[in-house]
PDB file of N, CA and C in Angstrom:
ATOM      1  N   UNK A   1     -18.016  -4.848-125.477  1.00  0.00           N
ATOM      2  CA  UNK A   1     -18.074  -6.289-125.628  1.00  0.00           C
ATOM      3  C   UNK A   1     -16.696  -6.874-125.353  1.00  0.00           C
ATOM      4  N   UNK A   2     -16.698  -7.958-124.634  1.00  0.00           N
ATOM      5  CA  UNK A   2     -15.449  -8.634-124.292  1.00  0.00           C
ATOM      6  C   UNK A   2     -15.670 -10.139-124.365  1.00  0.00           C
ATOM      7  N   UNK A   3     -14.596 -10.868-124.636  1.00  0.00           N
ATOM      8  CA  UNK A   3     -14.693 -12.315-124.524  1.00  0.00           C
ATOM      9  C   UNK A   3     -13.352 -12.870-124.097  1.00  0.00           C
ATOM     10  N   UNK A   4     -13.392 -14.044-123.512  1.00  0.00           N
ATOM     11  CA  UNK A   4     -12.189 -14.781-123.146  1.00  0.00           C
ATOM     12  C   UNK A   4     -12.524 -16.255-123.238  1.00  0.00           C
ATOM     13  N   UNK A   5     -11.483 -17.065-123.328  1.00  0.00           N
ATOM     14  CA  UNK A   5     -11.677 -18.505-123.413  1.00  0.00           C
ATOM     15  C   UNK A   5     -11.039 -19.183-122.222  1.00  0.00           C
ATOM     16  N   UNK A   6     -11.684 -20.249-121.779  1.00  0.00           N
ATOM     17  CA  UNK A   6     -11.218 -21.013-120.630  1.00  0.00           C
ATOM     18  C   UNK A   6     -11.047 -22.458-121.068  1.00  0.00           C
ATOM     19  N   UNK A   7      -9.844 -22.981-120.865  1.00  0.00           N
ATOM     20  CA  UNK A   7      -9.570 -24.392-121.134  1.00  0.00           C
ATOM     21  C   UNK A   7      -9.863 -25.177-119.864  1.00  0.00           C
ATOM     22  N   UNK A   8     -10.612 -26.252-120.001  1.00  0.00           N
ATOM     23  CA  UNK A   8     -10.974 -27.057-118.837  1.00  0.00           C
ATOM     24  C   UNK A   8     -10.368 -28.447-118.967  1.00  0.00           C
ATOM     25  N   UNK A   9      -9.853 -28.961-117.855  1.00  0.00           N
ATOM     26  CA  UNK A   9      -9.292 -30.300-117.834  1.00  0.00           C
ATOM     27  C   UNK A   9     -10.369 -31.342-117.599  1.00  0.00           C
ATOM     28  N   UNK A  10      -9.963 -32.610-117.547  1.00  0.00           N
ATOM     29  CA  UNK A  10     -10.931 -33.695-117.380  1.00  0.00           C
ATOM     30  C   UNK A  10     -11.457 -33.854-115.956  1.00  0.00           C
ATOM     31  N   UNK A  11     -10.821 -33.217-114.979  1.00  0.00           N
ATOM     32  CA  UNK A  11     -11.250 -33.383-113.589  1.00  0.00           C
ATOM     33  C   UNK A  11     -12.588 -32.701-113.337  1.00  0.00           C
ATOM     34  N   UNK A  12     -13.251 -33.155-112.305  1.00  0.00           N
ATOM     35  CA  UNK A  12     -14.588 -32.700-111.960  1.00  0.00           C
ATOM     36  C   UNK A  12     -14.541 -31.478-111.043  1.00  0.00           C
ATOM     37  N   UNK A  13     -15.542 -30.621-111.162  1.00  0.00           N
ATOM     38  CA  UNK A  13     -15.741 -29.568-110.176  1.00  0.00           C
ATOM     39  C   UNK A  13     -15.156 -28.216-110.512  1.00  0.00           C
ATOM     40  N   UNK A  14     -15.714 -27.536-111.505  1.00  0.00           N
ATOM     41  CA  UNK A  14     -15.305 -26.173-111.811  1.00  0.00           C
ATOM     42  C   UNK A  14     -16.539 -25.335-112.150  1.00  0.00           C
ATOM     43  N   UNK A  15     -16.353 -24.028-112.074  1.00  0.00           N
ATOM     44  CA  UNK A  15     -17.374 -23.068-112.506  1.00  0.00           C
ATOM     45  C   UNK A  15     -16.661 -21.804-112.954  1.00  0.00           C
ATOM     46  N   UNK A  16     -17.204 -21.135-113.954  1.00  0.00           N
ATOM     47  CA  UNK A  16     -16.669 -19.837-114.359  1.00  0.00           C
ATOM     48  C   UNK A  16     -17.729 -19.050-115.100  1.00  0.00           C
ATOM     49  N   UNK A  17     -17.500 -17.750-115.147  1.00  0.00           N
ATOM     50  CA  UNK A  17     -18.426 -16.824-115.789  1.00  0.00           C
ATOM     51  C   UNK A  17     -18.075 -15.414-115.378  1.00  0.00           C
ATOM     52  N   UNK A  18     -19.075 -14.649-114.930  1.00  0.00           N
ATOM     53  CA  UNK A  18     -18.838 -13.291-114.457  1.00  0.00           C
ATOM     54  C   UNK A  18     -19.549 -13.083-113.126  1.00  0.00           C
ATOM     55  N   UNK A  19     -19.013 -12.134-112.357  1.00  0.00           N
ATOM     56  CA  UNK A  19     -19.590 -11.790-111.054  1.00  0.00           C
ATOM     57  C   UNK A  19     -19.602 -10.276-110.911  1.00  0.00           C
ATOM     58  N   UNK A  20     -20.618  -9.768-110.230  1.00  0.00           N
ATOM     59  CA  UNK A  20     -20.681  -8.330-109.995  1.00  0.00           C
ATOM     60  C   UNK A  20     -19.591  -7.920-109.002  1.00  0.00           C
ATOM     61  N   UNK A  21     -19.185  -6.668-109.091  1.00  0.00           N
ATOM     62  CA  UNK A  21     -18.085  -6.158-108.274  1.00  0.00           C
ATOM     63  C   UNK A  21     -18.345  -6.312-106.779  1.00  0.00           C
ATOM     64  N   UNK A  22     -19.574  -6.155-106.342  1.00  0.00           N
ATOM     65  CA  UNK A  22     -19.875  -6.152-104.909  1.00  0.00           C
ATOM     66  C   UNK A  22     -20.115  -7.545-104.322  1.00  0.00           C
ATOM     67  N   UNK A  23     -19.804  -8.595-105.072  1.00  0.00           N
ATOM     68  CA  UNK A  23     -20.024  -9.957-104.576  1.00  0.00           C
ATOM     69  C   UNK A  23     -19.233 -10.188-103.295  1.00  0.00           C
ATOM     70  N   UNK A  24     -19.823 -10.929-102.379  1.00  0.00           N
ATOM     71  CA  UNK A  24     -19.131 -11.258-101.130  1.00  0.00           C
ATOM     72  C   UNK A  24     -17.922 -12.136-101.455  1.00  0.00           C
ATOM     73  N   UNK A  25     -16.760 -11.774-100.928  1.00  0.00           N
ATOM     74  CA  UNK A  25     -15.525 -12.482-101.251  1.00  0.00           C
ATOM     75  C   UNK A  25     -15.031 -13.389-100.131  1.00  0.00           C
ATOM     76  N   UNK A  26     -15.575 -13.256 -98.958  1.00  0.00           N
ATOM     77  CA  UNK A  26     -15.138 -14.084 -97.826  1.00  0.00           C
ATOM     78  C   UNK A  26     -16.257 -15.032 -97.441  1.00  0.00           C
ATOM     79  N   UNK A  27     -15.860 -16.235 -97.052  1.00  0.00           N
ATOM     80  CA  UNK A  27     -16.855 -17.228 -96.673  1.00  0.00           C
ATOM     81  C   UNK A  27     -17.504 -17.849 -97.893  1.00  0.00           C
ATOM     82  N   UNK A  28     -18.535 -18.612 -97.651  1.00  0.00           N
ATOM     83  CA  UNK A  28     -19.242 -19.273 -98.737  1.00  0.00           C
ATOM     84  C   UNK A  28     -20.192 -18.308 -99.420  1.00  0.00           C
ATOM     85  N   UNK A  29     -20.195 -18.349-100.726  1.00  0.00           N
ATOM     86  CA  UNK A  29     -21.099 -17.535-101.516  1.00  0.00           C
ATOM     87  C   UNK A  29     -21.976 -18.463-102.338  1.00  0.00           C
ATOM     88  N   UNK A  30     -23.254 -18.241-102.287  1.00  0.00           N
ATOM     89  CA  UNK A  30     -24.186 -19.011-103.106  1.00  0.00           C
ATOM     90  C   UNK A  30     -24.050 -18.551-104.551  1.00  0.00           C
ATOM     91  N   UNK A  31     -23.709 -19.459-105.452  1.00  0.00           N
ATOM     92  CA  UNK A  31     -23.614 -19.115-106.860  1.00  0.00           C
ATOM     93  C   UNK A  31     -25.028 -19.051-107.431  1.00  0.00           C
ATOM     94  N   UNK A  32     -25.463 -17.838-107.763  1.00  0.00           N
ATOM     95  CA  UNK A  32     -26.780 -17.654-108.372  1.00  0.00           C
ATOM     96  C   UNK A  32     -26.844 -16.262-108.987  1.00  0.00           C
ATOM     97  N   UNK A  33     -27.710 -16.075-109.969  1.00  0.00           N
ATOM     98  CA  UNK A  33     -27.885 -14.734-110.526  1.00  0.00           C
ATOM     99  C   UNK A  33     -28.324 -13.710-109.479  1.00  0.00           C
ATOM    100  N   UNK A  34     -29.118 -14.127-108.496  1.00  0.00           N
ATOM    101  CA  UNK A  34     -29.564 -13.199-107.455  1.00  0.00           C
ATOM    102  C   UNK A  34     -28.393 -12.675-106.629  1.00  0.00           C
ATOM    103  N   UNK A  35     -27.360 -13.480-106.503  1.00  0.00           N
ATOM    104  CA  UNK A  35     -26.158 -13.065-105.768  1.00  0.00           C
ATOM    105  C   UNK A  35     -25.170 -12.319-106.664  1.00  0.00           C
ATOM    106  N   UNK A  36     -25.483 -12.212-107.950  1.00  0.00           N
ATOM    107  CA  UNK A  36     -24.608 -11.494-108.871  1.00  0.00           C
ATOM    108  C   UNK A  36     -23.578 -12.371-109.539  1.00  0.00           C
ATOM    109  N   UNK A  37     -23.896 -13.652-109.723  1.00  0.00           N
ATOM    110  CA  UNK A  37     -22.997 -14.582-110.413  1.00  0.00           C
ATOM    111  C   UNK A  37     -23.751 -15.214-111.574  1.00  0.00           C
ATOM    112  N   UNK A  38     -23.165 -15.110-112.762  1.00  0.00           N
ATOM    113  CA  UNK A  38     -23.717 -15.716-113.969  1.00  0.00           C
ATOM    114  C   UNK A  38     -22.640 -16.634-114.513  1.00  0.00           C
ATOM    115  N   UNK A  39     -22.861 -17.943-114.391  1.00  0.00           N
ATOM    116  CA  UNK A  39     -21.786 -18.893-114.667  1.00  0.00           C
ATOM    117  C   UNK A  39     -22.325 -20.220-115.182  1.00  0.00           C
ATOM    118  N   UNK A  40     -21.406 -21.004-115.745  1.00  0.00           N
ATOM    119  CA  UNK A  40     -21.657 -22.412-116.042  1.00  0.00           C
ATOM    120  C   UNK A  40     -20.737 -23.225-115.150  1.00  0.00           C
ATOM    121  N   UNK A  41     -21.140 -24.468-114.900  1.00  0.00           N
ATOM    122  CA  UNK A  41     -20.322 -25.319-114.042  1.00  0.00           C
ATOM    123  C   UNK A  41     -20.365 -26.756-114.530  1.00  0.00           C
ATOM    124  N   UNK A  42     -19.340 -27.494-114.106  1.00  0.00           N
ATOM    125  CA  UNK A  42     -19.278 -28.922-114.352  1.00  0.00           C
ATOM    126  C   UNK A  42     -19.148 -29.582-113.000  1.00  0.00           C
ATOM    127  N   UNK A  43     -20.046 -30.529-112.734  1.00  0.00           N
ATOM    128  CA  UNK A  43     -20.038 -31.209-111.447  1.00  0.00           C
ATOM    129  C   UNK A  43     -20.683 -32.572-111.639  1.00  0.00           C
ATOM    130  N   UNK A  44     -20.084 -33.591-111.058  1.00  0.00           N
ATOM    131  CA  UNK A  44     -20.640 -34.930-111.193  1.00  0.00           C
ATOM    132  C   UNK A  44     -20.658 -35.427-112.619  1.00  0.00           C
ATOM    133  N   UNK A  45     -19.711 -34.932-113.440  1.00  0.00           N
ATOM    134  CA  UNK A  45     -19.648 -35.350-114.830  1.00  0.00           C
ATOM    135  C   UNK A  45     -20.704 -34.724-115.725  1.00  0.00           C
ATOM    136  N   UNK A  46     -21.475 -33.779-115.191  1.00  0.00           N
ATOM    137  CA  UNK A  46     -22.517 -33.105-115.968  1.00  0.00           C
ATOM    138  C   UNK A  46     -22.265 -31.603-115.990  1.00  0.00           C
ATOM    139  N   UNK A  47     -22.839 -30.951-116.993  1.00  0.00           N
ATOM    140  CA  UNK A  47     -22.676 -29.512-117.166  1.00  0.00           C
ATOM    141  C   UNK A  47     -23.993 -28.810-116.841  1.00  0.00           C
ATOM    142  N   UNK A  48     -23.858 -27.634-116.224  1.00  0.00           N
ATOM    143  CA  UNK A  48     -25.024 -26.888-115.758  1.00  0.00           C
ATOM    144  C   UNK A  48     -24.831 -25.393-115.992  1.00  0.00           C
ATOM    145  N   UNK A  49     -25.941 -24.687-116.209  1.00  0.00           N
ATOM    146  CA  UNK A  49     -25.950 -23.229-116.099  1.00  0.00           C
ATOM    147  C   UNK A  49     -26.400 -22.924-114.679  1.00  0.00           C
ATOM    148  N   UNK A  50     -25.715 -21.993-114.036  1.00  0.00           N
ATOM    149  CA  UNK A  50     -26.029 -21.650-112.645  1.00  0.00           C
ATOM    150  C   UNK A  50     -27.217 -20.687-112.655  1.00  0.00           C
ATOM    151  N   UNK A  51     -28.403 -21.267-112.626  1.00  0.00           N
ATOM    152  CA  UNK A  51     -29.652 -20.510-112.606  1.00  0.00           C
ATOM    153  C   UNK A  51     -30.359 -20.797-111.285  1.00  0.00           C
ATOM    154  N   UNK A  52     -31.444 -20.085-111.025  1.00  0.00           N
ATOM    155  CA  UNK A  52     -32.176 -20.359-109.790  1.00  0.00           C
ATOM    156  C   UNK A  52     -33.671 -20.316-110.097  1.00  0.00           C
ATOM    157  N   UNK A  53     -34.468 -21.041-109.343  1.00  0.00           N
ATOM    158  CA  UNK A  53     -34.081 -21.662-108.074  1.00  0.00           C
ATOM    159  C   UNK A  53     -33.271 -22.941-108.236  1.00  0.00           C
ATOM    160  N   UNK A  54     -33.238 -23.532-109.442  1.00  0.00           N
ATOM    161  CA  UNK A  54     -32.435 -24.726-109.676  1.00  0.00           C
ATOM    162  C   UNK A  54     -31.503 -24.494-110.844  1.00  0.00           C
ATOM    163  N   UNK A  55     -30.390 -25.240-110.857  1.00  0.00           N
ATOM    164  CA  UNK A  55     -29.482 -25.181-111.993  1.00  0.00           C
ATOM    165  C   UNK A  55     -30.176 -25.743-113.235  1.00  0.00           C
ATOM    166  N   UNK A  56     -29.764 -25.260-114.391  1.00  0.00           N
ATOM    167  CA  UNK A  56     -30.303 -25.730-115.662  1.00  0.00           C
ATOM    168  C   UNK A  56     -29.314 -26.693-116.297  1.00  0.00           C
ATOM    169  N   UNK A  57     -29.718 -27.959-116.539  1.00  0.00           N
ATOM    170  CA  UNK A  57     -28.799 -28.890-117.190  1.00  0.00           C
ATOM    171  C   UNK A  57     -28.529 -28.444-118.626  1.00  0.00           C
ATOM    172  N   UNK A  58     -27.279 -28.584-119.051  1.00  0.00           N
ATOM    173  CA  UNK A  58     -26.892 -28.202-120.403  1.00  0.00           C
ATOM    174  C   UNK A  58     -26.824 -29.450-121.267  1.00  0.00           C
ATOM    175  N   UNK A  59     -27.495 -29.418-122.396  1.00  0.00           N
ATOM    176  CA  UNK A  59     -27.518 -30.552-123.318  1.00  0.00           C
ATOM    177  C   UNK A  59     -26.421 -30.360-124.355  1.00  0.00           C
ATOM    178  N   UNK A  60     -25.378 -31.155-124.229  1.00  0.00           N
ATOM    179  CA  UNK A  60     -24.232 -31.022-125.129  1.00  0.00           C
ATOM    180  C   UNK A  60     -24.090 -32.217-126.060  1.00  0.00           C
ATOM    181  N   UNK A  61     -25.108 -33.041-126.136  1.00  0.00           N
ATOM    182  CA  UNK A  61     -25.070 -34.183-127.045  1.00  0.00           C
ATOM    183  C   UNK A  61     -24.011 -35.206-126.693  1.00  0.00           C
ATOM    184  N   UNK A  62     -23.682 -35.332-125.427  1.00  0.00           N
ATOM    185  CA  UNK A  62     -22.713 -36.332-124.989  1.00  0.00           C
ATOM    186  C   UNK A  62     -21.257 -35.924-125.123  1.00  0.00           C
ATOM    187  N   UNK A  63     -20.987 -34.778-125.732  1.00  0.00           N
ATOM    188  CA  UNK A  63     -19.583 -34.387-125.883  1.00  0.00           C
ATOM    189  C   UNK A  63     -19.075 -33.714-124.610  1.00  0.00           C
ATOM    190  N   UNK A  64     -17.770 -33.777-124.413  1.00  0.00           N
ATOM    191  CA  UNK A  64     -17.136 -33.132-123.263  1.00  0.00           C
ATOM    192  C   UNK A  64     -16.531 -31.814-123.719  1.00  0.00           C
ATOM    193  N   UNK A  65     -16.671 -30.813-122.885  1.00  0.00           N
ATOM    194  CA  UNK A  65     -16.085 -29.513-123.201  1.00  0.00           C
ATOM    195  C   UNK A  65     -14.595 -29.529-122.899  1.00  0.00           C
ATOM    196  N   UNK A  66     -13.811 -28.910-123.766  1.00  0.00           N
ATOM    197  CA  UNK A  66     -12.385 -28.746-123.493  1.00  0.00           C
ATOM    198  C   UNK A  66     -11.996 -27.266-123.452  1.00  0.00           C
ATOM    199  N   UNK A  67     -12.758 -26.443-124.165  1.00  0.00           N
ATOM    200  CA  UNK A  67     -12.505 -25.001-124.156  1.00  0.00           C
ATOM    201  C   UNK A  67     -13.837 -24.277-124.344  1.00  0.00           C
ATOM    202  N   UNK A  68     -14.066 -23.279-123.490  1.00  0.00           N
ATOM    203  CA  UNK A  68     -15.331 -22.543-123.517  1.00  0.00           C
ATOM    204  C   UNK A  68     -15.041 -21.061-123.709  1.00  0.00           C
ATOM    205  N   UNK A  69     -15.790 -20.427-124.601  1.00  0.00           N
ATOM    206  CA  UNK A  69     -15.692 -18.980-124.787  1.00  0.00           C
ATOM    207  C   UNK A  69     -16.790 -18.309-123.968  1.00  0.00           C
ATOM    208  N   UNK A  70     -16.380 -17.326-123.170  1.00  0.00           N
ATOM    209  CA  UNK A  70     -17.313 -16.513-122.395  1.00  0.00           C
ATOM    210  C   UNK A  70     -17.403 -15.166-123.108  1.00  0.00           C
ATOM    211  N   UNK A  71     -18.600 -14.789-123.486  1.00  0.00           N
ATOM    212  CA  UNK A  71     -18.810 -13.555-124.237  1.00  0.00           C
ATOM    213  C   UNK A  71     -19.664 -12.617-123.391  1.00  0.00           C
ATOM    214  N   UNK A  72     -19.080 -11.495-123.003  1.00  0.00           N
ATOM    215  CA  UNK A  72     -19.764 -10.499-122.178  1.00  0.00           C
ATOM    216  C   UNK A  72     -20.134  -9.302-123.044  1.00  0.00           C
ATOM    217  N   UNK A  73     -21.420  -9.043-123.151  1.00  0.00           N
ATOM    218  CA  UNK A  73     -21.923  -7.866-123.862  1.00  0.00           C
ATOM    219  C   UNK A  73     -22.636  -7.000-122.829  1.00  0.00           C
ATOM    220  N   UNK A  74     -21.881  -6.093-122.215  1.00  0.00           N
ATOM    221  CA  UNK A  74     -22.408  -5.279-121.115  1.00  0.00           C
ATOM    222  C   UNK A  74     -23.572  -4.412-121.585  1.00  0.00           C
ATOM    223  N   UNK A  75     -23.388  -3.715-122.709  1.00  0.00           N
ATOM    224  CA  UNK A  75     -24.442  -2.838-123.219  1.00  0.00           C
ATOM    225  C   UNK A  75     -25.639  -3.640-123.718  1.00  0.00           C
ATOM    226  N   UNK A  76     -25.387  -4.801-124.294  1.00  0.00           N
ATOM    227  CA  UNK A  76     -26.461  -5.665-124.781  1.00  0.00           C
ATOM    228  C   UNK A  76     -27.095  -6.511-123.692  1.00  0.00           C
ATOM    229  N   UNK A  77     -26.561  -6.408-122.478  1.00  0.00           N
ATOM    230  CA  UNK A  77     -27.097  -7.081-121.289  1.00  0.00           C
ATOM    231  C   UNK A  77     -27.139  -8.599-121.437  1.00  0.00           C
ATOM    232  N   UNK A  78     -26.009  -9.171-121.888  1.00  0.00           N
ATOM    233  CA  UNK A  78     -25.930 -10.622-122.047  1.00  0.00           C
ATOM    234  C   UNK A  78     -24.573 -11.161-121.623  1.00  0.00           C
ATOM    235  N   UNK A  79     -24.603 -12.360-121.057  1.00  0.00           N
ATOM    236  CA  UNK A  79     -23.406 -13.170-120.844  1.00  0.00           C
ATOM    237  C   UNK A  79     -23.687 -14.491-121.539  1.00  0.00           C
ATOM    238  N   UNK A  80     -22.879 -14.830-122.541  1.00  0.00           N
ATOM    239  CA  UNK A  80     -23.103 -16.048-123.320  1.00  0.00           C
ATOM    240  C   UNK A  80     -21.893 -16.959-123.239  1.00  0.00           C
ATOM    241  N   UNK A  81     -22.160 -18.247-123.378  1.00  0.00           N
ATOM    242  CA  UNK A  81     -21.120 -19.269-123.330  1.00  0.00           C
ATOM    243  C   UNK A  81     -21.206 -20.100-124.604  1.00  0.00           C
ATOM    244  N   UNK A  82     -20.031 -20.384-125.189  1.00  0.00           N
ATOM    245  CA  UNK A  82     -19.951 -21.154-126.424  1.00  0.00           C
ATOM    246  C   UNK A  82     -18.881 -22.222-126.288  1.00  0.00           C
ATOM    247  N   UNK A  83     -19.102 -23.360-126.944  1.00  0.00           N
ATOM    248  CA  UNK A  83     -18.050 -24.359-127.087  1.00  0.00           C
ATOM    249  C   UNK A  83     -17.050 -23.760-128.070  1.00  0.00           C
ATOM    250  N   UNK A  84     -15.857 -23.439-127.613  1.00  0.00           N
ATOM    251  CA  UNK A  84     -14.881 -22.739-128.452  1.00  0.00           C
ATOM    252  C   UNK A  84     -14.337 -23.622-129.574  1.00  0.00           C
ATOM    253  N   UNK A  85     -14.518 -24.929-129.472  1.00  0.00           N
ATOM    254  CA  UNK A  85     -14.043 -25.836-130.523  1.00  0.00           C
ATOM    255  C   UNK A  85     -14.861 -25.673-131.803  1.00  0.00           C
ATOM    256  N   UNK A  86     -16.165 -25.446-131.666  1.00  0.00           N
ATOM    257  CA  UNK A  86     -17.025 -25.349-132.846  1.00  0.00           C
ATOM    258  C   UNK A  86     -17.973 -24.141-132.808  1.00  0.00           C
ATOM    259  N   UNK A  87     -17.824 -23.294-131.781  1.00  0.00           N
ATOM    260  CA  UNK A  87     -18.635 -22.095-131.564  1.00  0.00           C
ATOM    261  C   UNK A  87     -20.131 -22.406-131.443  1.00  0.00           C
ATOM    262  N   UNK A  88     -20.452 -23.596-130.973  1.00  0.00           N
ATOM    263  CA  UNK A  88     -21.849 -23.933-130.699  1.00  0.00           C
ATOM    264  C   UNK A  88     -22.285 -23.252-129.409  1.00  0.00           C
ATOM    265  N   UNK A  89     -23.444 -22.608-129.462  1.00  0.00           N
ATOM    266  CA  UNK A  89     -23.982 -21.898-128.309  1.00  0.00           C
ATOM    267  C   UNK A  89     -24.316 -22.888-127.201  1.00  0.00           C
ATOM    268  N   UNK A  90     -23.931 -22.536-125.959  1.00  0.00           N
ATOM    269  CA  UNK A  90     -24.214 -23.378-124.797  1.00  0.00           C
ATOM    270  C   UNK A  90     -25.339 -22.777-123.961  1.00  0.00           C
ATOM    271  N   UNK A  91     -25.211 -21.494-123.603  1.00  0.00           N
ATOM    272  CA  UNK A  91     -26.215 -20.864-122.739  1.00  0.00           C
ATOM    273  C   UNK A  91     -26.016 -19.356-122.766  1.00  0.00           C
ATOM    274  N   UNK A  92     -27.102 -18.601-122.573  1.00  0.00           N
ATOM    275  CA  UNK A  92     -27.043 -17.141-122.455  1.00  0.00           C
ATOM    276  C   UNK A  92     -27.864 -16.687-121.257  1.00  0.00           C
ATOM    277  N   UNK A  93     -27.256 -15.815-120.455  1.00  0.00           N
ATOM    278  CA  UNK A  93     -27.967 -15.120-119.382  1.00  0.00           C
ATOM    279  C   UNK A  93     -28.309 -13.727-119.890  1.00  0.00           C
ATOM    280  N   UNK A  94     -29.527 -13.272-119.663  1.00  0.00           N
ATOM    281  CA  UNK A  94     -29.918 -11.890-119.941  1.00  0.00           C
ATOM    282  C   UNK A  94     -29.866 -11.142-118.622  1.00  0.00           C
ATOM    283  N   UNK A  95     -29.031 -10.092-118.570  1.00  0.00           N
ATOM    284  CA  UNK A  95     -28.739  -9.422-117.302  1.00  0.00           C
ATOM    285  C   UNK A  95     -28.815  -7.910-117.478  1.00  0.00           C
ATOM    286  N   UNK A  96     -29.594  -7.246-116.652  1.00  0.00           N
ATOM    287  CA  UNK A  96     -29.596  -5.781-116.608  1.00  0.00           C
ATOM    288  C   UNK A  96     -28.521  -5.375-115.599  1.00  0.00           C
ATOM    289  N   UNK A  97     -27.295  -5.217-116.076  1.00  0.00           N
ATOM    290  CA  UNK A  97     -26.173  -4.922-115.192  1.00  0.00           C
ATOM    291  C   UNK A  97     -26.371  -3.588-114.487  1.00  0.00           C
ATOM    292  N   UNK A  98     -26.106  -3.558-113.185  1.00  0.00           N
ATOM    293  CA  UNK A  98     -26.242  -2.348-112.382  1.00  0.00           C
ATOM    294  C   UNK A  98     -24.895  -1.835-111.873  1.00  0.00           C
ATOM    295  N   UNK A  99     -23.834  -2.625-112.078  1.00  0.00           N
ATOM    296  CA  UNK A  99     -22.502  -2.252-111.602  1.00  0.00           C
ATOM    297  C   UNK A  99     -21.466  -2.987-112.441  1.00  0.00           C
ATOM    298  N   UNK A 100     -20.202  -2.726-112.161  1.00  0.00           N
ATOM    299  CA  UNK A 100     -19.125  -3.401-112.872  1.00  0.00           C
ATOM    300  C   UNK A 100     -19.191  -4.899-112.621  1.00  0.00           C
ATOM    301  N   UNK A 101     -18.751  -5.669-113.615  1.00  0.00           N
ATOM    302  CA  UNK A 101     -18.631  -7.114-113.454  1.00  0.00           C
ATOM    303  C   UNK A 101     -17.213  -7.532-113.820  1.00  0.00           C
ATOM    304  N   UNK A 102     -16.813  -8.683-113.288  1.00  0.00           N
ATOM    305  CA  UNK A 102     -15.466  -9.196-113.485  1.00  0.00           C
ATOM    306  C   UNK A 102     -15.519 -10.687-113.768  1.00  0.00           C
ATOM    307  N   UNK A 103     -14.482 -11.222-114.440  1.00  0.00           N
ATOM    308  CA  UNK A 103     -14.439 -12.672-114.646  1.00  0.00           C
ATOM    309  C   UNK A 103     -14.423 -13.411-113.309  1.00  0.00           C
ATOM    310  N   UNK A 104     -15.068 -14.558-113.290  1.00  0.00           N
ATOM    311  CA  UNK A 104     -15.142 -15.410-112.103  1.00  0.00           C
ATOM    312  C   UNK A 104     -14.628 -16.792-112.474  1.00  0.00           C
ATOM    313  N   UNK A 105     -13.760 -17.336-111.622  1.00  0.00           N
ATOM    314  CA  UNK A 105     -13.239 -18.693-111.797  1.00  0.00           C
ATOM    315  C   UNK A 105     -13.302 -19.406-110.461  1.00  0.00           C
ATOM    316  N   UNK A 106     -13.763 -20.642-110.456  1.00  0.00           N
ATOM    317  CA  UNK A 106     -13.852 -21.410-109.217  1.00  0.00           C
ATOM    318  C   UNK A 106     -13.526 -22.870-109.501  1.00  0.00           C
ATOM    319  N   UNK A 107     -12.678 -23.458-108.660  1.00  0.00           N
ATOM    320  CA  UNK A 107     -12.389 -24.889-108.743  1.00  0.00           C
ATOM    321  C   UNK A 107     -12.697 -25.517-107.392  1.00  0.00           C
ATOM    322  N   UNK A 108     -13.082 -26.779-107.423  1.00  0.00           N
ATOM    323  CA  UNK A 108     -13.535 -27.448-106.200  1.00  0.00           C
ATOM    324  C   UNK A 108     -12.477 -28.324-105.552  1.00  0.00           C
ATOM    325  N   UNK A 109     -11.354 -28.549-106.219  1.00  0.00           N
ATOM    326  CA  UNK A 109     -10.301 -29.369-105.612  1.00  0.00           C
ATOM    327  C   UNK A 109      -8.954 -28.989-106.202  1.00  0.00           C
ATOM    328  N   UNK A 110      -7.905 -29.509-105.599  1.00  0.00           N
ATOM    329  CA  UNK A 110      -6.548 -29.187-106.055  1.00  0.00           C
ATOM    330  C   UNK A 110      -6.189 -29.901-107.350  1.00  0.00           C
ATOM    331  N   UNK A 111      -6.967 -30.885-107.769  1.00  0.00           N
ATOM    332  CA  UNK A 111      -6.665 -31.579-109.024  1.00  0.00           C
ATOM    333  C   UNK A 111      -7.496 -31.046-110.192  1.00  0.00           C
ATOM    334  N   UNK A 112      -8.417 -30.140-109.908  1.00  0.00           N
ATOM    335  CA  UNK A 112      -9.226 -29.548-110.974  1.00  0.00           C
ATOM    336  C   UNK A 112      -8.382 -28.524-111.724  1.00  0.00           C
ATOM    337  N   UNK A 113      -8.472 -28.562-113.048  1.00  0.00           N
ATOM    338  CA  UNK A 113      -7.635 -27.733-113.905  1.00  0.00           C
ATOM    339  C   UNK A 113      -8.515 -26.850-114.786  1.00  0.00           C
ATOM    340  N   UNK A 114      -8.307 -25.550-114.715  1.00  0.00           N
ATOM    341  CA  UNK A 114      -8.851 -24.628-115.705  1.00  0.00           C
ATOM    342  C   UNK A 114      -7.753 -23.619-116.039  1.00  0.00           C
ATOM    343  N   UNK A 115      -7.767 -23.134-117.260  1.00  0.00           N
ATOM    344  CA  UNK A 115      -6.721 -22.220-117.714  1.00  0.00           C
ATOM    345  C   UNK A 115      -7.359 -21.123-118.558  1.00  0.00           C
ATOM    346  N   UNK A 116      -7.039 -19.888-118.231  1.00  0.00           N
ATOM    347  CA  UNK A 116      -7.495 -18.754-119.020  1.00  0.00           C
ATOM    348  C   UNK A 116      -6.642 -18.680-120.273  1.00  0.00           C
ATOM    349  N   UNK A 117      -7.280 -18.637-121.434  1.00  0.00           N
ATOM    350  CA  UNK A 117      -6.542 -18.624-122.706  1.00  0.00           C
ATOM    351  C   UNK A 117      -6.562 -17.237-123.321  1.00  0.00           C
TER     352      UNK A 117
END
């Protein structure tokens, strides 16, 4: 079991979570569980779980996230996300991992801010 926290700034356009080792690293990669990415994202002022065939909107009661805990339980086959300010559960992916996974961080512009804590 592992966890880390990510501080997010007010700017739009970020995603983070975990990705399988064999994920394509060059060119555009479709963020989806089928591609080996389990993540949450913020885009257009809204929060989403990266699910397919469509993203799942996250209901946060109008609050903005400032710090998110990513909890990876490899043996328990789960990737969970929590609001680190109050440890409220945000979303959980159930994953039968077949290979190593690594933290994933993505920003959409040069003004987007995320920080590994």
